PDB file of N, CA and C in Angstrom:
ATOM      1  N   UNK A   1      22.886 -78.992  37.189  1.00  0.00           N
ATOM      2  CA  UNK A   1      22.016 -77.865  37.335  1.00  0.00           C
ATOM      3  C   UNK A   1      22.177 -76.896  36.163  1.00  0.00           C
ATOM      4  N   UNK A   2      23.380 -76.716  35.678  1.00  0.00           N
ATOM      5  CA  UNK A   2      23.616 -75.781  34.569  1.00  0.00           C
ATOM      6  C   UNK A   2      22.814 -76.195  33.337  1.00  0.00           C
ATOM      7  N   UNK A   3      22.804 -77.483  33.030  1.00  0.00           N
ATOM      8  CA  UNK A   3      22.046 -77.967  31.871  1.00  0.00           C
ATOM      9  C   UNK A   3      20.562 -77.695  32.050  1.00  0.00           C
ATOM     10  N   UNK A   4      20.065 -77.902  33.252  1.00  0.00           N
ATOM     11  CA  UNK A   4      18.648 -77.634  33.538  1.00  0.00           C
ATOM     12  C   UNK A   4      18.354 -76.145  33.378  1.00  0.00           C
ATOM     13  N   UNK A   5      19.244 -75.316  33.868  1.00  0.00           N
ATOM     14  CA  UNK A   5      19.082 -73.865  33.763  1.00  0.00           C
ATOM     15  C   UNK A   5      19.109 -73.435  32.291  1.00  0.00           C
ATOM     16  N   UNK A   6      20.071 -73.960  31.532  1.00  0.00           N
ATOM     17  CA  UNK A   6      20.194 -73.615  30.116  1.00  0.00           C
ATOM     18  C   UNK A   6      18.980 -74.063  29.312  1.00  0.00           C
ATOM     19  N   UNK A   7      18.325 -75.139  29.765  1.00  0.00           N
ATOM     20  CA  UNK A   7      17.131 -75.640  29.086  1.00  0.00           C
ATOM     21  C   UNK A   7      15.883 -74.825  29.436  1.00  0.00           C
ATOM     22  N   UNK A   8      16.047 -73.844  30.309  1.00  0.00           N
ATOM     23  CA  UNK A   8      14.929 -72.985  30.668  1.00  0.00           C
ATOM     24  C   UNK A   8      14.063 -73.517  31.789  1.00  0.00           C
ATOM     25  N   UNK A   9      14.514 -74.564  32.456  1.00  0.00           N
ATOM     26  CA  UNK A   9      13.743 -75.130  33.559  1.00  0.00           C
ATOM     27  C   UNK A   9      13.694 -74.138  34.724  1.00  0.00           C
ATOM     28  N   UNK A  10      12.538 -74.022  35.318  1.00  0.00           N
ATOM     29  CA  UNK A  10      12.404 -73.180  36.509  1.00  0.00           C
ATOM     30  C   UNK A  10      13.034 -73.917  37.685  1.00  0.00           C
ATOM     31  N   UNK A  11      14.040 -73.312  38.276  1.00  0.00           N
ATOM     32  CA  UNK A  11      14.767 -73.933  39.376  1.00  0.00           C
ATOM     33  C   UNK A  11      14.678 -73.011  40.588  1.00  0.00           C
ATOM     34  N   UNK A  12      14.406 -73.582  41.741  1.00  0.00           N
ATOM     35  CA  UNK A  12      14.369 -72.809  42.984  1.00  0.00           C
ATOM     36  C   UNK A  12      15.782 -72.698  43.535  1.00  0.00           C
ATOM     37  N   UNK A  13      16.430 -71.574  43.210  1.00  0.00           N
ATOM     38  CA  UNK A  13      17.809 -71.329  43.637  1.00  0.00           C
ATOM     39  C   UNK A  13      17.822 -70.435  44.858  1.00  0.00           C
ATOM     40  N   UNK A  14      18.660 -70.770  45.816  1.00  0.00           N
ATOM     41  CA  UNK A  14      18.801 -69.972  47.022  1.00  0.00           C
ATOM     42  C   UNK A  14      20.268 -69.643  47.235  1.00  0.00           C
ATOM     43  N   UNK A  15      20.583 -68.365  47.204  1.00  0.00           N
ATOM     44  CA  UNK A  15      21.942 -67.850  47.404  1.00  0.00           C
ATOM     45  C   UNK A  15      22.070 -67.428  48.862  1.00  0.00           C
ATOM     46  N   UNK A  16      22.963 -68.092  49.630  1.00  0.00           N
ATOM     47  CA  UNK A  16      23.112 -67.778  51.051  1.00  0.00           C
ATOM     48  C   UNK A  16      24.398 -66.994  51.332  1.00  0.00           C
ATOM     49  N   UNK A  17      24.998 -66.420  50.294  1.00  0.00           N
ATOM     50  CA  UNK A  17      26.213 -65.630  50.469  1.00  0.00           C
ATOM     51  C   UNK A  17      25.874 -64.246  51.031  1.00  0.00           C
ATOM     52  N   UNK A  18      26.914 -63.523  51.384  1.00  0.00           N
ATOM     53  CA  UNK A  18      26.750 -62.147  51.851  1.00  0.00           C
ATOM     54  C   UNK A  18      26.542 -61.218  50.654  1.00  0.00           C
ATOM     55  N   UNK A  19      26.024 -60.023  50.925  1.00  0.00           N
ATOM     56  CA  UNK A  19      25.704 -59.059  49.863  1.00  0.00           C
ATOM     57  C   UNK A  19      26.888 -58.787  48.940  1.00  0.00           C
ATOM     58  N   UNK A  20      28.071 -58.562  49.507  1.00  0.00           N
ATOM     59  CA  UNK A  20      29.234 -58.219  48.680  1.00  0.00           C
ATOM     60  C   UNK A  20      29.653 -59.375  47.772  1.00  0.00           C
ATOM     61  N   UNK A  21      29.457 -60.609  48.212  1.00  0.00           N
ATOM     62  CA  UNK A  21      29.784 -61.759  47.372  1.00  0.00           C
ATOM     63  C   UNK A  21      28.818 -61.850  46.200  1.00  0.00           C
ATOM     64  N   UNK A  22      27.562 -61.611  46.471  1.00  0.00           N
ATOM     65  CA  UNK A  22      26.537 -61.648  45.420  1.00  0.00           C
ATOM     66  C   UNK A  22      26.774 -60.534  44.408  1.00  0.00           C
ATOM     67  N   UNK A  23      27.186 -59.359  44.892  1.00  0.00           N
ATOM     68  CA  UNK A  23      27.458 -58.233  43.993  1.00  0.00           C
ATOM     69  C   UNK A  23      28.625 -58.552  43.060  1.00  0.00           C
ATOM     70  N   UNK A  24      29.579 -59.341  43.550  1.00  0.00           N
ATOM     71  CA  UNK A  24      30.758 -59.703  42.768  1.00  0.00           C
ATOM     72  C   UNK A  24      30.433 -60.696  41.663  1.00  0.00           C
ATOM     73  N   UNK A  25      29.548 -61.666  41.943  1.00  0.00           N
ATOM     74  CA  UNK A  25      29.218 -62.709  40.975  1.00  0.00           C
ATOM     75  C   UNK A  25      27.862 -63.290  41.329  1.00  0.00           C
ATOM     76  N   UNK A  26      26.970 -63.350  40.356  1.00  0.00           N
ATOM     77  CA  UNK A  26      25.596 -63.727  40.649  1.00  0.00           C
ATOM     78  C   UNK A  26      25.028 -64.586  39.522  1.00  0.00           C
ATOM     79  N   UNK A  27      24.472 -65.745  39.875  1.00  0.00           N
ATOM     80  CA  UNK A  27      23.815 -66.599  38.869  1.00  0.00           C
ATOM     81  C   UNK A  27      22.299 -66.584  39.042  1.00  0.00           C
ATOM     82  N   UNK A  28      21.804 -65.661  39.833  1.00  0.00           N
ATOM     83  CA  UNK A  28      20.367 -65.571  40.052  1.00  0.00           C
ATOM     84  C   UNK A  28      19.988 -66.212  41.367  1.00  0.00           C
ATOM     85  N   UNK A  29      18.738 -66.457  41.511  1.00  0.00           N
ATOM     86  CA  UNK A  29      18.271 -67.074  42.741  1.00  0.00           C
ATOM     87  C   UNK A  29      17.837 -66.049  43.767  1.00  0.00           C
ATOM     88  N   UNK A  30      17.079 -66.522  44.710  1.00  0.00           N
ATOM     89  CA  UNK A  30      16.631 -65.689  45.819  1.00  0.00           C
ATOM     90  C   UNK A  30      17.808 -65.539  46.774  1.00  0.00           C
ATOM     91  N   UNK A  31      18.016 -64.336  47.269  1.00  0.00           N
ATOM     92  CA  UNK A  31      19.156 -64.062  48.145  1.00  0.00           C
ATOM     93  C   UNK A  31      18.694 -63.941  49.591  1.00  0.00           C
ATOM     94  N   UNK A  32      19.117 -64.890  50.413  1.00  0.00           N
ATOM     95  CA  UNK A  32      18.895 -64.834  51.863  1.00  0.00           C
ATOM     96  C   UNK A  32      20.209 -65.270  52.509  1.00  0.00           C
ATOM     97  N   UNK A  33      20.986 -64.328  53.056  1.00  0.00           N
ATOM     98  CA  UNK A  33      22.259 -64.701  53.678  1.00  0.00           C
ATOM     99  C   UNK A  33      22.072 -65.750  54.779  1.00  0.00           C
ATOM    100  N   UNK A  34      23.116 -66.536  55.001  1.00  0.00           N
ATOM    101  CA  UNK A  34      23.061 -67.633  55.959  1.00  0.00           C
ATOM    102  C   UNK A  34      22.553 -67.194  57.327  1.00  0.00           C
ATOM    103  N   UNK A  35      22.969 -66.036  57.800  1.00  0.00           N
ATOM    104  CA  UNK A  35      22.529 -65.565  59.118  1.00  0.00           C
ATOM    105  C   UNK A  35      21.017 -65.476  59.223  1.00  0.00           C
ATOM    106  N   UNK A  36      20.372 -65.068  58.144  1.00  0.00           N
ATOM    107  CA  UNK A  36      18.905 -64.995  58.154  1.00  0.00           C
ATOM    108  C   UNK A  36      18.280 -66.379  58.115  1.00  0.00           C
ATOM    109  N   UNK A  37      18.925 -67.306  57.389  1.00  0.00           N
ATOM    110  CA  UNK A  37      18.443 -68.695  57.375  1.00  0.00           C
ATOM    111  C   UNK A  37      18.520 -69.259  58.791  1.00  0.00           C
ATOM    112  N   UNK A  38      19.643 -69.018  59.470  1.00  0.00           N
ATOM    113  CA  UNK A  38      19.828 -69.530  60.830  1.00  0.00           C
ATOM    114  C   UNK A  38      18.817 -68.913  61.797  1.00  0.00           C
ATOM    115  N   UNK A  39      18.391 -67.687  61.511  1.00  0.00           N
ATOM    116  CA  UNK A  39      17.382 -67.028  62.342  1.00  0.00           C
ATOM    117  C   UNK A  39      15.966 -67.382  61.878  1.00  0.00           C
ATOM    118  N   UNK A  40      15.891 -68.314  60.916  1.00  0.00           N
ATOM    119  CA  UNK A  40      14.615 -68.796  60.361  1.00  0.00           C
ATOM    120  C   UNK A  40      13.788 -67.679  59.731  1.00  0.00           C
ATOM    121  N   UNK A  41      14.464 -66.727  59.120  1.00  0.00           N
ATOM    122  CA  UNK A  41      13.801 -65.650  58.380  1.00  0.00           C
ATOM    123  C   UNK A  41      13.687 -66.088  56.918  1.00  0.00           C
ATOM    124  N   UNK A  42      12.773 -67.019  56.679  1.00  0.00           N
ATOM    125  CA  UNK A  42      12.653 -67.651  55.362  1.00  0.00           C
ATOM    126  C   UNK A  42      11.318 -67.381  54.680  1.00  0.00           C
ATOM    127  N   UNK A  43      10.627 -66.331  55.093  1.00  0.00           N
ATOM    128  CA  UNK A  43       9.304 -66.044  54.533  1.00  0.00           C
ATOM    129  C   UNK A  43       9.297 -66.022  53.007  1.00  0.00           C
ATOM    130  N   UNK A  44      10.379 -65.498  52.396  1.00  0.00           N
ATOM    131  CA  UNK A  44      10.429 -65.365  50.941  1.00  0.00           C
ATOM    132  C   UNK A  44      10.410 -66.710  50.210  1.00  0.00           C
ATOM    133  N   UNK A  45      10.768 -67.787  50.911  1.00  0.00           N
ATOM    134  CA  UNK A  45      10.846 -69.095  50.249  1.00  0.00           C
ATOM    135  C   UNK A  45       9.992 -70.161  50.922  1.00  0.00           C
ATOM    136  N   UNK A  46       9.177 -69.790  51.866  1.00  0.00           N
ATOM    137  CA  UNK A  46       8.382 -70.798  52.577  1.00  0.00           C
ATOM    138  C   UNK A  46       7.471 -71.600  51.645  1.00  0.00           C
ATOM    139  N   UNK A  47       7.099 -71.042  50.494  1.00  0.00           N
ATOM    140  CA  UNK A  47       6.266 -71.796  49.551  1.00  0.00           C
ATOM    141  C   UNK A  47       7.085 -72.854  48.793  1.00  0.00           C
ATOM    142  N   UNK A  48       8.376 -72.929  49.037  1.00  0.00           N
ATOM    143  CA  UNK A  48       9.233 -73.951  48.430  1.00  0.00           C
ATOM    144  C   UNK A  48       9.371 -75.189  49.303  1.00  0.00           C
ATOM    145  N   UNK A  49       8.728 -75.243  50.441  1.00  0.00           N
ATOM    146  CA  UNK A  49       8.961 -76.332  51.407  1.00  0.00           C
ATOM    147  C   UNK A  49       8.818 -77.720  50.804  1.00  0.00           C
ATOM    148  N   UNK A  50       7.922 -77.898  49.859  1.00  0.00           N
ATOM    149  CA  UNK A  50       7.712 -79.212  49.253  1.00  0.00           C
ATOM    150  C   UNK A  50       8.294 -79.315  47.844  1.00  0.00           C
ATOM    151  N   UNK A  51       9.158 -78.364  47.483  1.00  0.00           N
ATOM    152  CA  UNK A  51       9.782 -78.352  46.157  1.00  0.00           C
ATOM    153  C   UNK A  51      11.289 -78.513  46.307  1.00  0.00           C
ATOM    154  N   UNK A  52      11.947 -78.861  45.209  1.00  0.00           N
ATOM    155  CA  UNK A  52      13.404 -78.917  45.240  1.00  0.00           C
ATOM    156  C   UNK A  52      13.962 -77.505  45.419  1.00  0.00           C
ATOM    157  N   UNK A  53      14.908 -77.368  46.328  1.00  0.00           N
ATOM    158  CA  UNK A  53      15.594 -76.102  46.570  1.00  0.00           C
ATOM    159  C   UNK A  53      17.085 -76.364  46.436  1.00  0.00           C
ATOM    160  N   UNK A  54      17.736 -75.674  45.501  1.00  0.00           N
ATOM    161  CA  UNK A  54      19.176 -75.808  45.318  1.00  0.00           C
ATOM    162  C   UNK A  54      19.825 -74.601  45.980  1.00  0.00           C
ATOM    163  N   UNK A  55      20.679 -74.882  46.962  1.00  0.00           N
ATOM    164  CA  UNK A  55      21.301 -73.829  47.764  1.00  0.00           C
ATOM    165  C   UNK A  55      22.767 -73.706  47.368  1.00  0.00           C
ATOM    166  N   UNK A  56      23.235 -72.462  47.271  1.00  0.00           N
ATOM    167  CA  UNK A  56      24.653 -72.279  46.969  1.00  0.00           C
ATOM    168  C   UNK A  56      25.255 -71.118  47.753  1.00  0.00           C
ATOM    169  N   UNK A  57      26.577 -71.208  47.899  1.00  0.00           N
ATOM    170  CA  UNK A  57      27.362 -70.150  48.536  1.00  0.00           C
ATOM    171  C   UNK A  57      28.681 -70.053  47.762  1.00  0.00           C
ATOM    172  N   UNK A  58      29.725 -69.604  48.406  1.00  0.00           N
ATOM    173  CA  UNK A  58      31.003 -69.464  47.736  1.00  0.00           C
ATOM    174  C   UNK A  58      31.651 -70.824  47.464  1.00  0.00           C
ATOM    175  N   UNK A  59      31.706 -71.694  48.478  1.00  0.00           N
ATOM    176  CA  UNK A  59      32.429 -72.955  48.312  1.00  0.00           C
ATOM    177  C   UNK A  59      31.605 -74.201  48.622  1.00  0.00           C
ATOM    178  N   UNK A  60      30.427 -74.038  49.169  1.00  0.00           N
ATOM    179  CA  UNK A  60      29.583 -75.178  49.510  1.00  0.00           C
ATOM    180  C   UNK A  60      29.455 -75.409  50.999  1.00  0.00           C
ATOM    181  N   UNK A  61      30.256 -74.737  51.809  1.00  0.00           N
ATOM    182  CA  UNK A  61      30.192 -74.946  53.259  1.00  0.00           C
ATOM    183  C   UNK A  61      28.965 -74.287  53.884  1.00  0.00           C
ATOM    184  N   UNK A  62      28.789 -73.005  53.654  1.00  0.00           N
ATOM    185  CA  UNK A  62      27.633 -72.310  54.239  1.00  0.00           C
ATOM    186  C   UNK A  62      26.322 -72.850  53.700  1.00  0.00           C
ATOM    187  N   UNK A  63      26.309 -73.218  52.423  1.00  0.00           N
ATOM    188  CA  UNK A  63      25.068 -73.764  51.862  1.00  0.00           C
ATOM    189  C   UNK A  63      24.732 -75.113  52.501  1.00  0.00           C
ATOM    190  N   UNK A  64      25.751 -75.868  52.896  1.00  0.00           N
ATOM    191  CA  UNK A  64      25.504 -77.119  53.614  1.00  0.00           C
ATOM    192  C   UNK A  64      24.867 -76.865  54.966  1.00  0.00           C
ATOM    193  N   UNK A  65      25.340 -75.835  55.657  1.00  0.00           N
ATOM    194  CA  UNK A  65      24.749 -75.450  56.946  1.00  0.00           C
ATOM    195  C   UNK A  65      23.313 -74.976  56.733  1.00  0.00           C
ATOM    196  N   UNK A  66      23.104 -74.145  55.704  1.00  0.00           N
ATOM    197  CA  UNK A  66      21.758 -73.645  55.405  1.00  0.00           C
ATOM    198  C   UNK A  66      20.812 -74.805  55.093  1.00  0.00           C
ATOM    199  N   UNK A  67      21.313 -75.804  54.371  1.00  0.00           N
ATOM    200  CA  UNK A  67      20.486 -76.974  54.040  1.00  0.00           C
ATOM    201  C   UNK A  67      20.003 -77.674  55.307  1.00  0.00           C
ATOM    202  N   UNK A  68      20.899 -77.827  56.272  1.00  0.00           N
ATOM    203  CA  UNK A  68      20.501 -78.476  57.536  1.00  0.00           C
ATOM    204  C   UNK A  68      19.418 -77.672  58.248  1.00  0.00           C
ATOM    205  N   UNK A  69      19.566 -76.350  58.290  1.00  0.00           N
ATOM    206  CA  UNK A  69      18.561 -75.512  58.940  1.00  0.00           C
ATOM    207  C   UNK A  69      17.220 -75.604  58.221  1.00  0.00           C
ATOM    208  N   UNK A  70      17.251 -75.566  56.894  1.00  0.00           N
ATOM    209  CA  UNK A  70      15.997 -75.649  56.142  1.00  0.00           C
ATOM    210  C   UNK A  70      15.321 -76.998  56.338  1.00  0.00           C
ATOM    211  N   UNK A  71      16.096 -78.062  56.327  1.00  0.00           N
ATOM    212  CA  UNK A  71      15.513 -79.395  56.548  1.00  0.00           C
ATOM    213  C   UNK A  71      14.859 -79.473  57.923  1.00  0.00           C
ATOM    214  N   UNK A  72      15.506 -78.899  58.935  1.00  0.00           N
ATOM    215  CA  UNK A  72      14.927 -78.890  60.280  1.00  0.00           C
ATOM    216  C   UNK A  72      13.677 -78.016  60.342  1.00  0.00           C
ATOM    217  N   UNK A  73      13.533 -77.101  59.373  1.00  0.00           N
ATOM    218  CA  UNK A  73      12.368 -76.215  59.331  1.00  0.00           C
ATOM    219  C   UNK A  73      11.252 -76.770  58.458  1.00  0.00           C
ATOM    220  N   UNK A  74      11.426 -77.991  57.943  1.00  0.00           N
ATOM    221  CA  UNK A  74      10.349 -78.617  57.190  1.00  0.00           C
ATOM    222  C   UNK A  74      10.514 -78.633  55.684  1.00  0.00           C
ATOM    223  N   UNK A  75      11.638 -78.149  55.175  1.00  0.00           N
ATOM    224  CA  UNK A  75      11.889 -78.239  53.733  1.00  0.00           C
ATOM    225  C   UNK A  75      12.243 -79.686  53.418  1.00  0.00           C
ATOM    226  N   UNK A  76      11.625 -80.245  52.381  1.00  0.00           N
ATOM    227  CA  UNK A  76      11.707 -81.687  52.160  1.00  0.00           C
ATOM    228  C   UNK A  76      12.662 -82.116  51.051  1.00  0.00           C
ATOM    229  N   UNK A  77      13.139 -81.193  50.207  1.00  0.00           N
ATOM    230  CA  UNK A  77      13.981 -81.576  49.069  1.00  0.00           C
ATOM    231  C   UNK A  77      15.064 -80.523  48.856  1.00  0.00           C
ATOM    232  N   UNK A  78      16.046 -80.512  49.759  1.00  0.00           N
ATOM    233  CA  UNK A  78      17.099 -79.500  49.752  1.00  0.00           C
ATOM    234  C   UNK A  78      18.374 -80.100  49.168  1.00  0.00           C
ATOM    235  N   UNK A  79      18.982 -79.378  48.235  1.00  0.00           N
ATOM    236  CA  UNK A  79      20.200 -79.836  47.567  1.00  0.00           C
ATOM    237  C   UNK A  79      21.280 -78.770  47.717  1.00  0.00           C
ATOM    238  N   UNK A  80      22.466 -79.187  48.150  1.00  0.00           N
ATOM    239  CA  UNK A  80      23.605 -78.280  48.265  1.00  0.00           C
ATOM    240  C   UNK A  80      24.392 -78.328  46.959  1.00  0.00           C
ATOM    241  N   UNK A  81      24.615 -77.174  46.329  1.00  0.00           N
ATOM    242  CA  UNK A  81      25.401 -77.116  45.102  1.00  0.00           C
ATOM    243  C   UNK A  81      26.874 -77.347  45.450  1.00  0.00           C
ATOM    244  N   UNK A  82      27.351 -78.522  45.137  1.00  0.00           N
ATOM    245  CA  UNK A  82      28.707 -78.938  45.494  1.00  0.00           C
ATOM    246  C   UNK A  82      29.746 -77.987  44.909  1.00  0.00           C
ATOM    247  N   UNK A  83      30.638 -77.514  45.778  1.00  0.00           N
ATOM    248  CA  UNK A  83      31.718 -76.640  45.333  1.00  0.00           C
ATOM    249  C   UNK A  83      31.347 -75.178  45.229  1.00  0.00           C
ATOM    250  N   UNK A  84      30.065 -74.862  45.311  1.00  0.00           N
ATOM    251  CA  UNK A  84      29.605 -73.481  45.289  1.00  0.00           C
ATOM    252  C   UNK A  84      30.023 -72.703  44.051  1.00  0.00           C
ATOM    253  N   UNK A  85      30.103 -71.386  44.217  1.00  0.00           N
ATOM    254  CA  UNK A  85      30.424 -70.503  43.099  1.00  0.00           C
ATOM    255  C   UNK A  85      31.870 -70.630  42.648  1.00  0.00           C
ATOM    256  N   UNK A  86      32.756 -71.067  43.530  1.00  0.00           N
ATOM    257  CA  UNK A  86      34.143 -71.290  43.111  1.00  0.00           C
ATOM    258  C   UNK A  86      34.194 -72.366  42.029  1.00  0.00           C
ATOM    259  N   UNK A  87      33.537 -73.494  42.278  1.00  0.00           N
ATOM    260  CA  UNK A  87      33.515 -74.593  41.308  1.00  0.00           C
ATOM    261  C   UNK A  87      32.723 -74.195  40.059  1.00  0.00           C
ATOM    262  N   UNK A  88      31.626 -73.478  40.246  1.00  0.00           N
ATOM    263  CA  UNK A  88      30.790 -73.043  39.111  1.00  0.00           C
ATOM    264  C   UNK A  88      31.612 -72.194  38.150  1.00  0.00           C
ATOM    265  N   UNK A  89      32.304 -71.195  38.688  1.00  0.00           N
ATOM    266  CA  UNK A  89      33.099 -70.302  37.849  1.00  0.00           C
ATOM    267  C   UNK A  89      34.224 -71.063  37.164  1.00  0.00           C
ATOM    268  N   UNK A  90      34.853 -71.964  37.880  1.00  0.00           N
ATOM    269  CA  UNK A  90      35.948 -72.759  37.310  1.00  0.00           C
ATOM    270  C   UNK A  90      35.452 -73.596  36.133  1.00  0.00           C
ATOM    271  N   UNK A  91      34.268 -74.149  36.276  1.00  0.00           N
ATOM    272  CA  UNK A  91      33.754 -75.054  35.252  1.00  0.00           C
ATOM    273  C   UNK A  91      33.082 -74.342  34.079  1.00  0.00           C
ATOM    274  N   UNK A  92      32.367 -73.234  34.352  1.00  0.00           N
ATOM    275  CA  UNK A  92      31.518 -72.674  33.301  1.00  0.00           C
ATOM    276  C   UNK A  92      31.948 -71.320  32.738  1.00  0.00           C
ATOM    277  N   UNK A  93      32.856 -70.630  33.378  1.00  0.00           N
ATOM    278  CA  UNK A  93      33.288 -69.341  32.820  1.00  0.00           C
ATOM    279  C   UNK A  93      34.332 -69.572  31.749  1.00  0.00           C
ATOM    280  N   UNK A  94      34.187 -68.819  30.688  1.00  0.00           N
ATOM    281  CA  UNK A  94      35.165 -68.913  29.610  1.00  0.00           C
ATOM    282  C   UNK A  94      36.463 -68.256  30.052  1.00  0.00           C
ATOM    283  N   UNK A  95      37.534 -68.929  29.775  1.00  0.00           N
ATOM    284  CA  UNK A  95      38.868 -68.424  30.171  1.00  0.00           C
ATOM    285  C   UNK A  95      39.388 -67.445  29.151  1.00  0.00           C
TER     286      UNK A  95
END
């Protein structure tokens, strides 16, 4: 995903972390915390139902849950960002 992002590709990113986590570290994307996904409050992304949606959280657990909810709601191409922001920061932040 990083290579696609660096190449300027438009990617449908969904951040399901809590507000304070997003404030601490943010790679962009639409922000809808997991609780809202579980309550099916997805109006902001409903036009993504037939597009690839890459979901991320802190470690990949909540985004996996969000992916299941979105798939049950009719989203057809949902991808969980493996390892979440912990893995992202480990791999891409300069030490």
